[in-house]
Protein backbone atom coordinates (compact mmCIF):
# COMPACT_ATOMS: atom_id res chain seq x y z
CA MET A 1 112.44 108.20 107.31
CA SER A 2 110.20 105.54 105.65
CA ALA A 3 109.54 104.51 102.07
CA GLU A 4 106.06 105.88 102.86
CA GLU A 5 106.72 109.53 103.09
CA PRO A 6 107.92 111.06 99.77
CA GLN A 7 110.72 113.42 99.98
CA ASP A 8 110.44 115.63 96.83
CA GLY A 9 107.70 118.18 96.19
CA SER A 10 105.41 119.70 98.50
CA PRO A 11 101.64 120.20 98.35
CA GLU A 12 101.45 123.24 96.37
CA ASP A 13 103.08 121.34 93.43
CA ASP A 14 100.04 119.35 92.59
CA GLU A 15 99.65 120.35 88.77
CA ASP A 16 102.63 118.33 87.85
CA LEU A 17 101.39 115.01 89.82
CA ARG A 18 100.00 112.30 88.08
CA TYR A 19 97.35 110.73 90.01
CA PHE A 20 97.51 107.38 88.16
CA VAL A 21 100.29 105.97 86.79
CA ARG A 22 99.73 102.92 84.32
CA ILE A 23 102.24 99.96 84.38
CA GLY A 24 101.20 96.79 82.56
CA GLN A 25 97.53 96.39 83.06
CA THR A 26 97.19 98.01 86.51
CA ASP A 27 96.79 101.48 87.53
CA LEU A 28 99.13 102.42 90.39
CA ASP A 29 98.41 105.35 92.85
CA GLY A 30 100.78 108.16 91.83
CA THR A 31 100.36 109.76 95.22
CA LYS A 32 102.47 107.03 97.20
CA ALA A 33 106.03 106.43 97.04
CA VAL A 34 107.53 104.45 94.39
CA GLU A 35 108.14 101.47 96.51
CA ARG A 36 104.85 101.35 98.08
CA SER A 37 102.91 102.00 95.04
CA LEU A 38 104.39 99.07 93.22
CA THR A 39 103.36 96.57 95.93
CA ASP A 40 99.72 97.30 94.71
CA MET A 41 100.49 95.15 91.73
CA ASN A 42 99.73 91.28 91.53
CA GLY A 43 103.01 89.48 91.75
CA ILE A 44 105.26 92.21 93.35
CA GLY A 45 105.81 92.33 97.04
CA LYS A 46 107.80 94.61 99.27
CA ARG A 47 111.32 93.07 98.24
CA THR A 48 110.58 93.06 94.76
CA ALA A 49 109.43 96.36 94.64
CA ARG A 50 112.63 97.30 96.35
CA ILE A 51 114.78 95.41 93.86
CA VAL A 52 112.84 97.15 90.76
CA ALA A 53 113.42 100.53 92.13
CA ASP A 54 117.26 100.03 92.61
CA ALA A 55 117.36 98.03 89.06
CA ALA A 56 115.59 101.11 87.50
CA ASP A 57 118.05 103.79 89.25
CA VAL A 58 114.98 105.57 90.75
CA ASP A 59 114.74 106.78 94.43
CA ARG A 60 112.33 104.50 96.09
CA THR A 61 110.99 107.04 98.40
CA ALA A 62 110.16 109.63 95.43
CA THR A 63 106.53 109.98 94.97
CA LEU A 64 105.70 107.83 91.57
CA GLY A 65 103.42 110.64 90.09
CA ARG A 66 106.00 112.88 90.17
CA LEU A 67 108.67 110.95 88.23
CA ASP A 68 109.80 111.84 84.61
CA ASP A 69 108.53 109.64 81.62
CA ASP A 70 111.74 108.20 81.04
CA GLU A 71 111.84 107.12 84.73
CA ILE A 72 108.59 105.59 84.45
CA ASP A 73 109.80 103.91 81.30
CA ARG A 74 112.84 102.26 83.06
CA ILE A 75 110.65 100.99 85.97
CA ILE A 76 108.20 99.67 83.16
CA GLY A 77 111.18 97.76 81.46
CA VAL A 78 112.36 96.29 84.87
CA VAL A 79 108.94 95.03 85.69
CA GLU A 80 108.75 93.53 82.49
CA ASN A 81 112.06 91.80 82.44
CA PHE A 82 112.32 91.09 86.23
CA GLY A 83 112.67 87.24 85.50
CA ASP A 84 115.66 87.92 83.69
CA GLU A 85 117.56 90.50 86.20
CA VAL A 86 116.95 88.53 89.41
CA PRO A 87 118.29 84.55 90.31
CA GLU A 88 115.74 81.98 89.61
CA TRP A 89 114.82 81.27 93.23
CA MET A 90 113.42 84.66 93.15
CA VAL A 91 110.63 84.36 90.38
CA ASN A 92 107.41 83.24 91.27
CA ARG A 93 106.73 81.08 88.04
CA ARG A 94 109.72 78.37 88.12
CA ASN A 95 109.71 75.45 85.64
CA ASP A 96 106.96 76.11 83.83
CA PHE A 97 104.95 73.00 82.95
CA TYR A 98 104.85 73.44 79.11
CA THR A 99 107.88 75.27 78.48
CA GLY A 100 110.18 74.38 81.45
CA GLU A 101 111.40 77.83 81.90
CA SER A 102 111.46 80.10 84.95
CA SER A 103 109.84 83.50 84.52
CA HIS A 104 108.09 86.22 86.92
CA ARG A 105 104.47 86.78 86.01
CA VAL A 106 102.77 90.08 86.88
CA GLY A 107 99.15 91.53 87.03
CA SER A 108 96.58 89.71 85.07
CA ASN A 109 98.99 87.34 83.80
CA LEU A 110 99.48 85.86 87.21
CA SER A 111 95.92 85.45 87.89
CA GLN A 112 95.23 83.88 84.38
CA THR A 113 98.16 81.34 84.81
CA ARG A 114 97.08 80.38 88.33
CA THR A 115 93.59 79.67 87.00
CA GLN A 116 95.04 77.62 84.25
CA ASP A 117 96.97 75.79 86.54
CA ILE A 118 94.11 74.77 88.83
CA ASN A 119 91.92 73.93 85.79
CA ARG A 120 94.50 71.64 84.59
CA MET A 121 94.94 69.96 88.10
CA LYS A 122 91.22 69.49 87.96
CA MET A 123 91.35 67.92 84.57
CA ILE A 124 93.74 65.19 85.29
CA ASP A 125 92.19 64.39 88.45
CA SER A 126 95.12 64.86 90.73
CA TYR A 127 94.86 64.88 94.28
CA ARG A 128 94.65 68.70 94.54
CA GLY A 129 92.40 69.17 91.61
CA VAL A 130 90.02 66.51 93.50
CA ARG A 131 90.36 69.11 96.56
CA HIS A 132 89.54 72.01 94.11
CA LYS A 133 86.71 70.49 92.64
CA ARG A 134 85.11 69.55 95.91
CA GLY A 135 85.89 72.93 97.40
CA GLN A 136 87.90 71.60 100.20
CA LYS A 137 91.17 72.45 101.83
CA VAL A 138 94.21 71.98 99.38
CA ARG A 139 97.02 72.18 101.48
CA GLY A 140 96.87 69.59 104.34
CA GLN A 141 94.99 71.88 106.68
CA ARG A 142 92.63 70.31 109.46
CA THR A 143 89.22 69.74 108.11
CA LYS A 144 87.50 68.16 111.05
CA SER A 145 86.63 71.33 113.13
CA THR A 146 87.35 74.11 110.79
CA GLY A 147 86.34 74.97 107.16
CA ARG A 148 82.68 73.66 107.47
CA THR A 149 80.66 75.01 104.84
CA GLU A 150 77.30 73.15 105.63
CA GLY A 151 74.43 74.84 108.23
CA THR A 152 74.68 74.89 111.85
CA ILE A 153 76.00 71.85 113.52
CA GLY A 154 74.87 72.25 117.23
CA VAL A 155 71.50 72.38 118.70
CA ASN A 156 68.85 74.88 117.47
CA VAL A 157 67.54 76.00 120.93
CA GLU A 158 64.91 78.53 119.65
CA ALA A 159 63.59 75.92 117.26
CA ILE A 160 62.95 73.46 120.50
CA LYS A 161 61.53 76.37 122.31
CA GLU A 162 59.03 77.12 119.76
CA ASP A 163 57.99 73.43 119.23
CA MET A 164 57.44 73.29 123.13
CA ALA A 165 55.28 76.41 123.05
CA GLU A 166 53.36 75.03 120.18
CA GLU A 167 52.71 71.75 122.17
CA GLU A 168 51.72 73.67 125.39
CA ALA A 169 49.11 75.63 123.39
CA ALA A 170 47.87 72.84 121.97
CA GLU A 171 47.55 70.89 125.36
CA GLU A 172 45.43 74.37 126.85
CA ASP A 173 43.35 74.19 123.71
CA GLU A 174 42.27 70.57 124.44
CA ALA A 175 41.72 71.36 128.06
């Protein structure tokens, strides 16, 4: 069995199924398994979802929409306090610039923090900030042959053919 196939419940029991479960500021699909549904949140991947399900003492193959309210509350509690329950190397925000603490950001907090970090780099004109400002590659990738955003580099054959046809038509008119 995989984590995608829910174990409990049958198709006839749709009246007690919640199609959307709200965790944080994200609506999760209630028809999926707990582990798979949690991966739809920003900041939670497969490994993190498995750890959350185990820490909340919930069957990770169970359908998320069929869980009781107390089980969902336990999942919400683990997601909100994930940084406290795992080792420091596993969180996604280590040694914060302002506080120096490690935490785990989830959902819109993750995207907001990332935007603030990029804006700070742009403001202090760090190398990465300058690359962000220019719209160039930031992580050391090649730029000679890839990532070109300008127009066509090669020869425009159609334009040359049109010019030649116009010149021939002009020559025929003169003759």
